[in-house]
C-alpha atoms as a PDB file:
ATOM      1  CA  MET A   1     -11.607 -10.466  -6.066  1.00  0.00           C
ATOM      2  CA  ILE A   2     -12.255  -9.187  -2.559  1.00  0.00           C
ATOM      3  CA  PHE A   3     -10.033  -6.397  -1.247  1.00  0.00           C
ATOM      4  CA  THR A   4      -9.891  -4.240   1.834  1.00  0.00           C
ATOM      5  CA  THR A   5      -8.033  -1.038   2.647  1.00  0.00           C
ATOM      6  CA  LEU A   6      -8.075   1.635   5.337  1.00  0.00           C
ATOM      7  CA  PHE A   7      -7.241   5.338   5.501  1.00  0.00           C
ATOM      8  CA  ASP A   8      -8.388   8.731   6.750  1.00  0.00           C
ATOM      9  CA  SER A   9      -9.318  11.850   4.787  1.00  0.00           C
ATOM     10  CA  TYR A  10      -5.657  12.800   4.296  1.00  0.00           C
ATOM     11  CA  TYR A  11      -5.280   9.739   2.048  1.00  0.00           C
ATOM     12  CA  LEU A  12      -8.538  10.224   0.152  1.00  0.00           C
ATOM     13  CA  ASP A  13      -6.766  11.323  -3.027  1.00  0.00           C
ATOM     14  CA  LYS A  14      -4.540   8.239  -3.117  1.00  0.00           C
ATOM     15  CA  ALA A  15      -7.346   5.877  -2.115  1.00  0.00           C
ATOM     16  CA  LEU A  16      -9.674   7.185  -4.810  1.00  0.00           C
ATOM     17  CA  ALA A  17      -6.885   6.808  -7.357  1.00  0.00           C
ATOM     18  CA  LEU A  18      -6.542   3.200  -6.189  1.00  0.00           C
ATOM     19  CA  TYR A  19     -10.284   2.587  -6.536  1.00  0.00           C
ATOM     20  CA  ARG A  20     -10.488   4.164  -9.986  1.00  0.00           C
ATOM     21  CA  SER A  21      -7.482   2.202 -11.181  1.00  0.00           C
ATOM     22  CA  LEU A  22      -9.258  -1.020 -10.204  1.00  0.00           C
ATOM     23  CA  GLU A  23     -12.399   0.139 -11.988  1.00  0.00           C
ATOM     24  CA  ARG A  24     -10.398   0.670 -15.174  1.00  0.00           C
ATOM     25  CA  VAL A  25      -8.586  -2.665 -15.229  1.00  0.00           C
ATOM     26  CA  ALA A  26     -10.728  -5.204 -13.328  1.00  0.00           C
ATOM     27  CA  ASP A  27     -14.003  -6.702 -14.484  1.00  0.00           C
ATOM     28  CA  ASP A  28     -15.121  -8.017 -11.118  1.00  0.00           C
ATOM     29  CA  PHE A  29     -13.984  -6.817  -7.697  1.00  0.00           C
ATOM     30  CA  LYS A  30     -15.258  -5.591  -4.343  1.00  0.00           C
ATOM     31  CA  LEU A  31     -13.336  -3.167  -2.134  1.00  0.00           C
ATOM     32  CA  TYR A  32     -14.184  -2.936   1.564  1.00  0.00           C
ATOM     33  CA  ILE A  33     -13.042   0.489   2.741  1.00  0.00           C
ATOM     34  CA  TYR A  34     -12.531   1.465   6.375  1.00  0.00           C
ATOM     35  CA  ALA A  35     -12.877   5.240   6.707  1.00  0.00           C
ATOM     36  CA  PHE A  36     -10.776   6.306   9.664  1.00  0.00           C
ATOM     37  CA  ASP A  37     -12.444   9.677  10.165  1.00  0.00           C
ATOM     38  CA  ASP A  38     -15.923  11.134   9.647  1.00  0.00           C
ATOM     39  CA  LYS A  39     -14.940  13.301   6.691  1.00  0.00           C
ATOM     40  CA  ALA A  40     -13.626  10.337   4.719  1.00  0.00           C
ATOM     41  CA  PHE A  41     -16.771   8.344   5.529  1.00  0.00           C
ATOM     42  CA  GLU A  42     -19.080  11.180   4.419  1.00  0.00           C
ATOM     43  CA  VAL A  43     -17.223  11.750   1.151  1.00  0.00           C
ATOM     44  CA  LEU A  44     -17.039   8.069   0.246  1.00  0.00           C
ATOM     45  CA  CYS A  45     -20.738   7.541   0.969  1.00  0.00           C
ATOM     46  CA  ASP A  46     -21.630  10.608  -1.100  1.00  0.00           C
ATOM     47  CA  MET A  47     -19.603   9.299  -4.039  1.00  0.00           C
ATOM     48  CA  ASN A  48     -21.682   6.111  -4.140  1.00  0.00           C
ATOM     49  CA  LEU A  49     -18.826   3.940  -5.383  1.00  0.00           C
ATOM     50  CA  GLU A  50     -20.344   0.974  -7.200  1.00  0.00           C
ATOM     51  CA  HIS A  51     -17.782  -1.639  -6.175  1.00  0.00           C
ATOM     52  CA  ALA A  52     -17.082  -0.388  -2.629  1.00  0.00           C
ATOM     53  CA  VAL A  53     -18.509  -1.161   0.796  1.00  0.00           C
ATOM     54  CA  ILE A  54     -17.863   1.704   3.197  1.00  0.00           C
ATOM     55  CA  LEU A  55     -17.173   0.894   6.848  1.00  0.00           C
ATOM     56  CA  ARG A  56     -16.079   2.983   9.822  1.00  0.00           C
ATOM     57  CA  ASN A  57     -13.052   2.672  12.052  1.00  0.00           C
ATOM     58  CA  GLU A  58     -15.580   2.333  14.895  1.00  0.00           C
ATOM     59  CA  ASP A  59     -16.715  -0.974  13.407  1.00  0.00           C
ATOM     60  CA  LEU A  60     -13.282  -2.364  14.183  1.00  0.00           C
ATOM     61  CA  GLU A  61     -13.082  -0.719  17.596  1.00  0.00           C
ATOM     62  CA  ASN A  62     -16.460  -2.135  18.612  1.00  0.00           C
ATOM     63  CA  ALA A  63     -15.397  -5.614  17.498  1.00  0.00           C
ATOM     64  CA  TYR A  64     -11.940  -5.277  19.085  1.00  0.00           C
ATOM     65  CA  PRO A  65     -12.227  -2.966  22.144  1.00  0.00           C
ATOM     66  CA  ILE A  66      -8.478  -3.154  22.777  1.00  0.00           C
ATOM     67  CA  LEU A  67      -8.014  -0.865  19.779  1.00  0.00           C
ATOM     68  CA  LYS A  68      -9.447   2.090  21.712  1.00  0.00           C
ATOM     69  CA  LYS A  69      -6.624   1.810  24.253  1.00  0.00           C
ATOM     70  CA  ILE A  70      -3.986   1.203  21.586  1.00  0.00           C
ATOM     71  CA  LYS A  71      -5.147   4.280  19.676  1.00  0.00           C
ATOM     72  CA  GLN A  72      -4.048   6.477  22.580  1.00  0.00           C
ATOM     73  CA  GLU A  73      -0.596   4.914  22.758  1.00  0.00           C
ATOM     74  CA  ARG A  74       0.539   4.878  19.119  1.00  0.00           C
ATOM     75  CA  SER A  75       0.954   7.358  16.296  1.00  0.00           C
ATOM     76  CA  LYS A  76      -1.743   7.556  13.641  1.00  0.00           C
ATOM     77  CA  ALA A  77       0.347   5.481  11.244  1.00  0.00           C
ATOM     78  CA  GLU A  78       1.219   2.914  13.914  1.00  0.00           C
ATOM     79  CA  TYR A  79      -2.455   2.594  14.823  1.00  0.00           C
ATOM     80  CA  CYS A  80      -3.356   2.004  11.171  1.00  0.00           C
ATOM     81  CA  TRP A  81      -0.675  -0.693  10.916  1.00  0.00           C
ATOM     82  CA  THR A  82      -2.069  -2.320  14.052  1.00  0.00           C
ATOM     83  CA  CYS A  83      -5.464  -2.496  12.362  1.00  0.00           C
ATOM     84  CA  THR A  84      -4.256  -4.315   9.234  1.00  0.00           C
ATOM     85  CA  PRO A  85      -4.842  -7.905  10.434  1.00  0.00           C
ATOM     86  CA  VAL A  86      -8.182  -7.104  12.086  1.00  0.00           C
ATOM     87  CA  SER A  87      -9.398  -5.305   8.961  1.00  0.00           C
ATOM     88  CA  ILE A  88      -9.079  -8.615   7.117  1.00  0.00           C
ATOM     89  CA  GLU A  89     -10.446 -10.748   9.953  1.00  0.00           C
ATOM     90  CA  TYR A  90     -13.497  -8.511  10.347  1.00  0.00           C
ATOM     91  CA  ILE A  91     -14.425  -8.990   6.672  1.00  0.00           C
ATOM     92  CA  LEU A  92     -14.052 -12.768   6.886  1.00  0.00           C
ATOM     93  CA  ASP A  93     -16.076 -12.892  10.125  1.00  0.00           C
ATOM     94  CA  ASN A  94     -18.876 -10.484   9.296  1.00  0.00           C
ATOM     95  CA  PHE A  95     -19.287 -10.648   5.527  1.00  0.00           C
ATOM     96  CA  HIS A  96     -18.455 -14.340   5.130  1.00  0.00           C
ATOM     97  CA  GLU A  97     -16.276 -13.829   2.073  1.00  0.00           C
ATOM     98  CA  ASP A  98     -14.247 -16.804   0.843  1.00  0.00           C
ATOM     99  CA  ASN A  99     -11.107 -14.691   0.988  1.00  0.00           C
ATOM    100  CA  CYS A 100      -9.919 -11.138   1.516  1.00  0.00           C
ATOM    101  CA  THR A 101      -6.793  -9.321   0.345  1.00  0.00           C
ATOM    102  CA  TYR A 102      -5.476  -6.289   2.183  1.00  0.00           C
ATOM    103  CA  ILE A 103      -4.096  -3.620  -0.165  1.00  0.00           C
ATOM    104  CA  ASP A 104      -2.393  -0.382   0.815  1.00  0.00           C
ATOM    105  CA  SER A 105      -4.281   2.742  -0.179  1.00  0.00           C
ATOM    106  CA  ASP A 106      -1.263   4.113  -2.069  1.00  0.00           C
ATOM    107  CA  LEU A 107      -1.244   1.225  -4.541  1.00  0.00           C
ATOM    108  CA  TYR A 108      -2.296   1.818  -8.144  1.00  0.00           C
ATOM    109  CA  PHE A 109      -3.271  -0.933 -10.567  1.00  0.00           C
ATOM    110  CA  PHE A 110      -1.977  -0.698 -14.120  1.00  0.00           C
ATOM    111  CA  SER A 111      -3.460  -4.041 -15.194  1.00  0.00           C
ATOM    112  CA  ASP A 112      -5.985  -6.631 -14.031  1.00  0.00           C
ATOM    113  CA  PRO A 113      -4.889  -8.317 -10.778  1.00  0.00           C
ATOM    114  CA  LYS A 114      -6.738 -11.469 -11.841  1.00  0.00           C
ATOM    115  CA  VAL A 115      -3.389 -12.878 -12.965  1.00  0.00           C
ATOM    116  CA  LEU A 116      -2.218 -12.705  -9.341  1.00  0.00           C
ATOM    117  CA  PHE A 117      -5.270 -14.629  -8.162  1.00  0.00           C
ATOM    118  CA  ASP A 118      -4.671 -17.199 -10.904  1.00  0.00           C
ATOM    119  CA  GLU A 119      -1.220 -17.699  -9.396  1.00  0.00           C
ATOM    120  CA  ILE A 120      -2.732 -17.997  -5.909  1.00  0.00           C
ATOM    121  CA  ASN A 121      -5.226 -20.604  -7.079  1.00  0.00           C
ATOM    122  CA  SER A 122      -2.541 -22.571  -8.940  1.00  0.00           C
ATOM    123  CA  ALA A 123      -0.415 -22.638  -5.792  1.00  0.00           C
ATOM    124  CA  ASP A 124      -3.433 -23.774  -3.730  1.00  0.00           C
ATOM    125  CA  ALA A 125      -2.438 -21.061  -1.259  1.00  0.00           C
ATOM    126  CA  ASN A 126      -4.283 -20.062   1.911  1.00  0.00           C
ATOM    127  CA  VAL A 127      -2.056 -17.072   2.663  1.00  0.00           C
ATOM    128  CA  VAL A 128      -0.016 -14.896   0.305  1.00  0.00           C
ATOM    129  CA  ILE A 129       2.888 -12.666   1.306  1.00  0.00           C
ATOM    130  CA  THR A 130       4.538 -10.269  -1.130  1.00  0.00           C
ATOM    131  CA  PRO A 131       8.336  -9.858  -1.054  1.00  0.00           C
ATOM    132  CA  HIS A 132       9.969  -6.452  -1.208  1.00  0.00           C
ATOM    133  CA  ARG A 133      12.285  -7.938  -3.846  1.00  0.00           C
ATOM    134  CA  PHE A 134      15.292  -6.053  -2.599  1.00  0.00           C
ATOM    135  CA  SER A 135      18.471  -6.542  -4.608  1.00  0.00           C
ATOM    136  CA  ASN A 136      21.584  -8.261  -3.251  1.00  0.00           C
ATOM    137  CA  SER A 137      23.413  -4.966  -2.776  1.00  0.00           C
ATOM    138  CA  LEU A 138      24.801  -4.107   0.644  1.00  0.00           C
ATOM    139  CA  LYS A 139      22.409  -1.167   0.870  1.00  0.00           C
ATOM    140  CA  ASP A 140      19.382  -3.361   0.119  1.00  0.00           C
ATOM    141  CA  LYS A 141      20.516  -6.021   2.574  1.00  0.00           C
ATOM    142  CA  ARG A 142      20.498  -3.330   5.235  1.00  0.00           C
ATOM    143  CA  LEU A 143      17.003  -2.301   4.109  1.00  0.00           C
ATOM    144  CA  GLN A 144      15.804  -5.881   4.453  1.00  0.00           C
ATOM    145  CA  ASP A 145      17.326  -6.092   7.922  1.00  0.00           C
ATOM    146  CA  ARG A 146      15.373  -2.960   8.852  1.00  0.00           C
ATOM    147  CA  SER A 147      12.048  -3.558   7.141  1.00  0.00           C
ATOM    148  CA  GLY A 148      11.853  -7.310   6.601  1.00  0.00           C
ATOM    149  CA  LYS A 149      11.738  -9.515   3.533  1.00  0.00           C
ATOM    150  CA  TYR A 150       7.987  -9.067   3.002  1.00  0.00           C
ATOM    151  CA  CYS A 151       5.867  -5.971   2.512  1.00  0.00           C
ATOM    152  CA  VAL A 152       2.444  -5.272   3.935  1.00  0.00           C
ATOM    153  CA  GLU A 153       0.870  -4.144   0.664  1.00  0.00           C
ATOM    154  CA  PHE A 154      -0.914  -7.116  -0.954  1.00  0.00           C
ATOM    155  CA  ASN A 155      -1.775  -9.742   1.649  1.00  0.00           C
ATOM    156  CA  TYR A 156      -4.239 -12.500   0.808  1.00  0.00           C
ATOM    157  CA  PHE A 157      -6.017 -14.676   3.397  1.00  0.00           C
ATOM    158  CA  ASP A 158      -8.741 -17.192   2.648  1.00  0.00           C
ATOM    159  CA  ASN A 159     -11.250 -18.541   5.161  1.00  0.00           C
ATOM    160  CA  SER A 160      -9.390 -21.797   5.830  1.00  0.00           C
ATOM    161  CA  GLU A 161      -8.084 -23.044   9.157  1.00  0.00           C
ATOM    162  CA  ASN A 162      -4.483 -22.452   7.980  1.00  0.00           C
ATOM    163  CA  SER A 163      -5.234 -18.858   7.110  1.00  0.00           C
ATOM    164  CA  ARG A 164      -7.219 -18.098  10.245  1.00  0.00           C
ATOM    165  CA  GLU A 165      -4.418 -19.422  12.448  1.00  0.00           C
ATOM    166  CA  ALA A 166      -1.861 -17.167  10.746  1.00  0.00           C
ATOM    167  CA  LEU A 167      -4.171 -14.157  10.764  1.00  0.00           C
ATOM    168  CA  SER A 168      -5.008 -14.540  14.448  1.00  0.00           C
ATOM    169  CA  TRP A 169      -1.322 -14.868  15.361  1.00  0.00           C
ATOM    170  CA  TRP A 170      -0.461 -11.723  13.347  1.00  0.00           C
ATOM    171  CA  LYS A 171      -3.326  -9.832  14.993  1.00  0.00           C
ATOM    172  CA  GLU A 172      -2.152 -10.714  18.499  1.00  0.00           C
ATOM    173  CA  ARG A 173       1.441  -9.715  17.731  1.00  0.00           C
ATOM    174  CA  CYS A 174       0.267  -6.330  16.417  1.00  0.00           C
ATOM    175  CA  PHE A 175      -1.860  -5.791  19.522  1.00  0.00           C
ATOM    176  CA  GLU A 176       1.223  -6.450  21.646  1.00  0.00           C
ATOM    177  CA  TRP A 177       3.665  -4.284  19.678  1.00  0.00           C
ATOM    178  CA  CYS A 178       3.393  -2.276  16.453  1.00  0.00           C
ATOM    179  CA  TYR A 179       5.682   0.748  16.313  1.00  0.00           C
ATOM    180  CA  HIS A 180       7.790   2.557  13.741  1.00  0.00           C
ATOM    181  CA  ILE A 181      10.915   1.242  15.429  1.00  0.00           C
ATOM    182  CA  TYR A 182      13.476  -1.033  13.793  1.00  0.00           C
ATOM    183  CA  GLU A 183      14.228  -4.099  15.917  1.00  0.00           C
ATOM    184  CA  LYS A 184      15.765  -7.469  15.092  1.00  0.00           C
ATOM    185  CA  ASP A 185      12.452  -9.302  14.731  1.00  0.00           C
ATOM    186  CA  ARG A 186       9.958  -6.438  14.682  1.00  0.00           C
ATOM    187  CA  MET A 187       9.118  -3.325  12.688  1.00  0.00           C
ATOM    188  CA  GLY A 188       5.525  -2.113  12.649  1.00  0.00           C
ATOM    189  CA  ASP A 189       3.183  -4.842  11.429  1.00  0.00           C
ATOM    190  CA  GLN A 190       5.630  -5.959   8.753  1.00  0.00           C
ATOM    191  CA  LYS A 191       8.513  -8.102  10.029  1.00  0.00           C
ATOM    192  CA  TYR A 192       6.038 -10.499  11.651  1.00  0.00           C
ATOM    193  CA  LEU A 193       5.329 -11.776   8.128  1.00  0.00           C
ATOM    194  CA  MET A 194       8.823 -13.265   7.931  1.00  0.00           C
ATOM    195  CA  LYS A 195       7.747 -15.968  10.397  1.00  0.00           C
ATOM    196  CA  PHE A 196       4.725 -17.056   8.369  1.00  0.00           C
ATOM    197  CA  PRO A 197       6.484 -19.684   6.178  1.00  0.00           C
ATOM    198  CA  GLN A 198       7.994 -21.386   9.240  1.00  0.00           C
ATOM    199  CA  LEU A 199       4.951 -21.231  11.517  1.00  0.00           C
ATOM    200  CA  PHE A 200       1.992 -21.875   9.208  1.00  0.00           C
ATOM    201  CA  LYS A 201       0.866 -24.086   6.350  1.00  0.00           C
ATOM    202  CA  GLY A 202      -0.456 -22.946   2.996  1.00  0.00           C
ATOM    203  CA  VAL A 203       1.733 -19.814   2.818  1.00  0.00           C
ATOM    204  CA  HIS A 204       2.759 -18.700  -0.677  1.00  0.00           C
ATOM    205  CA  GLU A 205       5.271 -16.040  -1.683  1.00  0.00           C
ATOM    206  CA  LEU A 206       3.925 -14.020  -4.627  1.00  0.00           C
ATOM    207  CA  GLN A 207       6.055 -14.746  -7.699  1.00  0.00           C
ATOM    208  CA  ASN A 208       4.700 -12.401 -10.381  1.00  0.00           C
ATOM    209  CA  LEU A 209       7.175  -9.518 -10.651  1.00  0.00           C
ATOM    210  CA  GLY A 210       4.355  -7.213 -11.731  1.00  0.00           C
ATOM    211  CA  GLY A 211       2.781  -7.552  -8.291  1.00  0.00           C
ATOM    212  CA  GLY A 212       4.791  -5.322  -6.028  1.00  0.00           C
ATOM    213  CA  VAL A 213       6.804  -2.952  -8.192  1.00  0.00           C
ATOM    214  CA  ALA A 214       7.868  -0.124  -5.884  1.00  0.00           C
ATOM    215  CA  PRO A 215      10.595   2.475  -5.294  1.00  0.00           C
ATOM    216  CA  TRP A 216      12.685  -0.016  -3.308  1.00  0.00           C
ATOM    217  CA  ASN A 217      13.011  -2.388  -6.293  1.00  0.00           C
ATOM    218  CA  LEU A 218      12.454  -0.130  -9.318  1.00  0.00           C
ATOM    219  CA  ALA A 219      16.194   0.316  -9.982  1.00  0.00           C
ATOM    220  CA  GLN A 220      16.332  -3.391 -10.913  1.00  0.00           C
ATOM    221  CA  TYR A 221      13.966  -2.786 -13.840  1.00  0.00           C
ATOM    222  CA  GLU A 222      13.801  -0.588 -16.923  1.00  0.00           C
ATOM    223  CA  TYR A 223      10.969   0.507 -19.165  1.00  0.00           C
ATOM    224  CA  THR A 224      10.990  -1.386 -22.458  1.00  0.00           C
ATOM    225  CA  GLY A 225       9.152   1.311 -24.412  1.00  0.00           C
ATOM    226  CA  LYS A 226       6.237  -1.101 -24.791  1.00  0.00           C
ATOM    227  CA  SER A 227       2.880  -1.221 -23.063  1.00  0.00           C
ATOM    228  CA  ASN A 228       0.218  -3.884 -22.631  1.00  0.00           C
ATOM    229  CA  GLU A 229      -3.085  -2.009 -22.873  1.00  0.00           C
ATOM    230  CA  LEU A 230      -2.806   0.382 -19.880  1.00  0.00           C
ATOM    231  CA  SER A 231       0.287  -1.176 -18.321  1.00  0.00           C
ATOM    232  CA  PRO A 232       3.910  -0.286 -19.020  1.00  0.00           C
ATOM    233  CA  ILE A 233       6.099  -3.322 -19.666  1.00  0.00           C
ATOM    234  CA  LEU A 234       9.300  -3.462 -17.664  1.00  0.00           C
ATOM    235  CA  ARG A 235      12.433  -5.547 -18.135  1.00  0.00           C
ATOM    236  CA  GLU A 236      14.351  -7.090 -15.265  1.00  0.00           C
ATOM    237  CA  LYS A 237      17.933  -6.021 -15.901  1.00  0.00           C
ATOM    238  CA  SER A 238      19.571  -9.116 -14.433  1.00  0.00           C
ATOM    239  CA  THR A 239      17.544 -11.681 -16.404  1.00  0.00           C
ATOM    240  CA  GLY A 240      16.054  -9.786 -19.356  1.00  0.00           C
ATOM    241  CA  LYS A 241      12.604 -10.997 -18.309  1.00  0.00           C
ATOM    242  CA  GLU A 242       9.798  -8.691 -19.431  1.00  0.00           C
ATOM    243  CA  PHE A 243       6.555  -8.221 -17.545  1.00  0.00           C
ATOM    244  CA  PRO A 244       3.643  -5.762 -17.298  1.00  0.00           C
ATOM    245  CA  ILE A 245       3.178  -3.834 -14.064  1.00  0.00           C
ATOM    246  CA  ILE A 246       0.152  -5.194 -12.198  1.00  0.00           C
ATOM    247  CA  PHE A 247       0.358  -2.665  -9.391  1.00  0.00           C
ATOM    248  CA  TYR A 248       2.833  -0.052  -8.261  1.00  0.00           C
ATOM    249  CA  HIS A 249       3.303   1.026  -4.648  1.00  0.00           C
ATOM    250  CA  PHE A 250       3.586   4.820  -4.618  1.00  0.00           C
ATOM    251  CA  GLN A 251       5.291   5.055  -1.260  1.00  0.00           C
ATOM    252  CA  SER A 252       7.844   7.646  -0.109  1.00  0.00           C
ATOM    253  CA  MET A 253       6.662  10.563  -2.228  1.00  0.00           C
ATOM    254  CA  ARG A 254       7.175  13.853  -0.384  1.00  0.00           C
ATOM    255  CA  TYR A 255       5.644  17.236  -1.147  1.00  0.00           C
ATOM    256  CA  ILE A 256       7.994  20.207  -0.826  1.00  0.00           C
ATOM    257  CA  ASN A 257       4.970  22.460  -1.213  1.00  0.00           C
ATOM    258  CA  HIS A 258       1.707  22.285  -3.131  1.00  0.00           C
ATOM    259  CA  ASN A 259       3.453  22.797  -6.477  1.00  0.00           C
ATOM    260  CA  TYR A 260       6.482  20.513  -6.190  1.00  0.00           C
ATOM    261  CA  ILE A 261       6.914  16.890  -5.190  1.00  0.00           C
ATOM    262  CA  ILE A 262       9.931  14.630  -4.767  1.00  0.00           C
ATOM    263  CA  ILE A 263       8.907  11.143  -5.861  1.00  0.00           C
ATOM    264  CA  ARG A 264      11.972   9.314  -4.446  1.00  0.00           C
ATOM    265  CA  SER A 265      11.816   6.655  -7.147  1.00  0.00           C
ATOM    266  CA  GLU A 266      15.290   5.156  -6.514  1.00  0.00           C
ATOM    267  CA  THR A 267      15.986   4.969 -10.272  1.00  0.00           C
ATOM    268  CA  HIS A 268      17.912   7.383 -12.461  1.00  0.00           C
ATOM    269  CA  SER A 269      15.933   6.481 -15.599  1.00  0.00           C
ATOM    270  CA  LYS A 270      13.731   9.467 -16.465  1.00  0.00           C
ATOM    271  CA  LYS A 271      11.906   7.370 -19.058  1.00  0.00           C
ATOM    272  CA  THR A 272      10.988   4.744 -16.451  1.00  0.00           C
ATOM    273  CA  LYS A 273       9.945   7.372 -13.915  1.00  0.00           C
ATOM    274  CA  ASP A 274       7.742   9.271 -16.338  1.00  0.00           C
ATOM    275  CA  ILE A 275       5.809   6.266 -17.637  1.00  0.00           C
ATOM    276  CA  ILE A 276       4.904   5.253 -14.073  1.00  0.00           C
ATOM    277  CA  TYR A 277       4.682   8.488 -12.105  1.00  0.00           C
ATOM    278  CA  ARG A 278       3.297  11.069 -14.537  1.00  0.00           C
ATOM    279  CA  PRO A 279      -0.144   9.449 -15.046  1.00  0.00           C
ATOM    280  CA  TYR A 280      -0.464   8.817 -11.316  1.00  0.00           C
ATOM    281  CA  LEU A 281       0.523  12.340 -10.289  1.00  0.00           C
ATOM    282  CA  LYS A 282      -1.828  13.766 -12.915  1.00  0.00           C
ATOM    283  CA  GLU A 283      -4.720  11.727 -11.498  1.00  0.00           C
ATOM    284  CA  ILE A 284      -3.821  12.706  -7.923  1.00  0.00           C
ATOM    285  CA  GLU A 285      -3.835  16.393  -8.853  1.00  0.00           C
ATOM    286  CA  SER A 286      -7.211  16.011 -10.562  1.00  0.00           C
ATOM    287  CA  LEU A 287      -8.638  14.251  -7.498  1.00  0.00           C
ATOM    288  CA  ARG A 288      -7.264  16.884  -5.132  1.00  0.00           C
ATOM    289  CA  LYS A 289      -8.937  19.585  -7.187  1.00  0.00           C
ATOM    290  CA  GLU A 290     -12.233  17.651  -7.139  1.00  0.00           C
ATOM    291  CA  LEU A 291     -12.044  17.024  -3.392  1.00  0.00           C
ATOM    292  CA  GLU A 292     -11.291  20.660  -2.619  1.00  0.00           C
ATOM    293  CA  GLU A 293     -13.971  22.105  -4.886  1.00  0.00           C
ATOM    294  CA  LYS A 294     -16.729  19.678  -3.919  1.00  0.00           C
ATOM    295  CA  TYR A 295     -15.915  18.800  -0.299  1.00  0.00           C
ATOM    296  CA  GLY A 296     -13.542  21.500   0.924  1.00  0.00           C
ATOM    297  CA  ILE A 297     -10.750  18.997   1.578  1.00  0.00           C
ATOM    298  CA  THR A 298      -7.167  20.226   1.344  1.00  0.00           C
ATOM    299  CA  PHE A 299      -3.961  18.339   2.025  1.00  0.00           C
ATOM    300  CA  TYR A 300      -1.108  19.390   4.278  1.00  0.00           C
ATOM    301  CA  VAL A 301       2.479  18.893   3.193  1.00  0.00           C
ATOM    302  CA  ALA A 302       4.407  17.519   6.178  1.00  0.00           C
ATOM    303  CA  GLN A 303       4.091  13.811   6.974  1.00  0.00           C
ATOM    304  CA  SER A 304       5.249  11.667   9.857  1.00  0.00           C
ATOM    305  CA  TYR A 305       4.830   8.062  10.960  1.00  0.00           C
ATOM    306  CA  ALA A 306       6.601   7.695  14.284  1.00  0.00           C
ATOM    307  CA  SER A 307       5.340   8.287  17.810  1.00  0.00           C
ATOM    308  CA  ASN A 308       8.826   9.356  18.956  1.00  0.00           C
ATOM    309  CA  PRO A 309       8.765  13.207  18.854  1.00  0.00           C
ATOM    310  CA  ILE A 310      12.355  13.561  17.598  1.00  0.00           C
ATOM    311  CA  ILE A 311      11.892  11.070  14.745  1.00  0.00           C
ATOM    312  CA  LYS A 312       8.534  12.676  13.990  1.00  0.00           C
ATOM    313  CA  PHE A 313      10.168  16.114  13.623  1.00  0.00           C
ATOM    314  CA  VAL A 314      12.861  14.731  11.305  1.00  0.00           C
ATOM    315  CA  GLN A 315      10.249  13.010   9.131  1.00  0.00           C
ATOM    316  CA  LYS A 316       8.105  16.145   8.877  1.00  0.00           C
ATOM    317  CA  TYR A 317      10.666  18.860   8.346  1.00  0.00           C
ATOM    318  CA  ILE A 318      13.912  17.304   7.125  1.00  0.00           C
ATOM    319  CA  LEU A 319      13.357  14.023   5.258  1.00  0.00           C
ATOM    320  CA  ARG A 320      10.758  15.497   2.933  1.00  0.00           C
ATOM    321  CA  PHE A 321      13.539  17.514   1.246  1.00  0.00           C
ATOM    322  CA  LYS A 322      15.804  14.490   0.724  1.00  0.00           C
ATOM    323  CA  MET A 323      16.465  13.978  -3.004  1.00  0.00           C
ATOM    324  CA  LYS A 324      18.920  11.630  -4.724  1.00  0.00           C
ATOM    325  CA  SER A 325      18.174  12.616  -8.301  1.00  0.00           C
ATOM    326  CA  ILE A 326      17.075  15.975  -9.737  1.00  0.00           C
ATOM    327  CA  SER A 327      14.709  14.115 -12.076  1.00  0.00           C
ATOM    328  CA  ASP A 328      12.792  12.965  -8.982  1.00  0.00           C
ATOM    329  CA  LEU A 329      11.492  16.532  -8.666  1.00  0.00           C
ATOM    330  CA  TYR A 330       8.191  17.106 -10.484  1.00  0.00           C
ATOM    331  CA  ASP A 331       6.490  20.430 -11.120  1.00  0.00           C
ATOM    332  CA  LEU A 332       2.848  19.633 -10.430  1.00  0.00           C
ATOM    333  CA  ARG A 333       1.619  22.789 -12.142  1.00  0.00           C
ATOM    334  CA  LYS A 334       2.511  21.177 -15.480  1.00  0.00           C
ATOM    335  CA  LEU A 335       0.289  18.187 -14.701  1.00  0.00           C
ATOM    336  CA  ARG A 336      -2.826  20.053 -13.648  1.00  0.00           C
ATOM    337  CA  THR A 337      -5.727  20.373 -16.025  1.00  0.00           C
END
């Protein structure tokens, strides 16, 4: 299983949690990591991660000089999104892997992703896209209109002609336009994926419900009270189908300050939240302590994604306090050891 991800030192805690989760659940994997600043590169090299290959952002910029110009025109997040297709293409070109799967650095694996690759092999797929799995509610239909049917979180490409054609097309579209702006056919690097099934052969939509559990679909599931080794088993409310979580996408969490976080889980079930979020938050706090004590890395609270200054201000100083459920608020002091 060949993966790639990219991040800077601000995401080191999440990325290391991702790596360690894979170490716990997977017998055989390789993770190509693009460090997007010097501090991240130095720390990752010092850690000597057995299953990781550490690369620099400059490796991509040297291979794709247009990125240097784009970097000046887009926000940090928008630039990272632009780099998603080339991060995969660079691995296929320069390391001659049979396939490569992009994974977001804020994923966390609760069980072995081999079952997902078994599905890919059974489908004889060249490209895999992962659906958001929004519900049919009016609110979720609006979300899909904004963000697209598919999520850039677990995106598999093999080295076939079908795959390379799709990957090259996605790369060129991201070079042309990749902004945190919601348009009819575009939003970041993500809505481009909706055209894959119509434009290219060998495209498979991931079916396993355990691949892609996230805040935007968690309300459709409930914790059964059972676990499969390290993974909680969820039940789909509409069908009664039970399944273990393969990976969870810990997006949308917002720190109020260094002691409190709003997880924005989109479910009111405290039992479901706790079984997923508590172990992750505990590991993140442990990693932050390790990174501060050993490398002097601390993490700021405010986050933003957009290049538009007004939207950026709202994201940094208003949205981080948005909370739908009081049980989404966690006291991190209780999780620190």
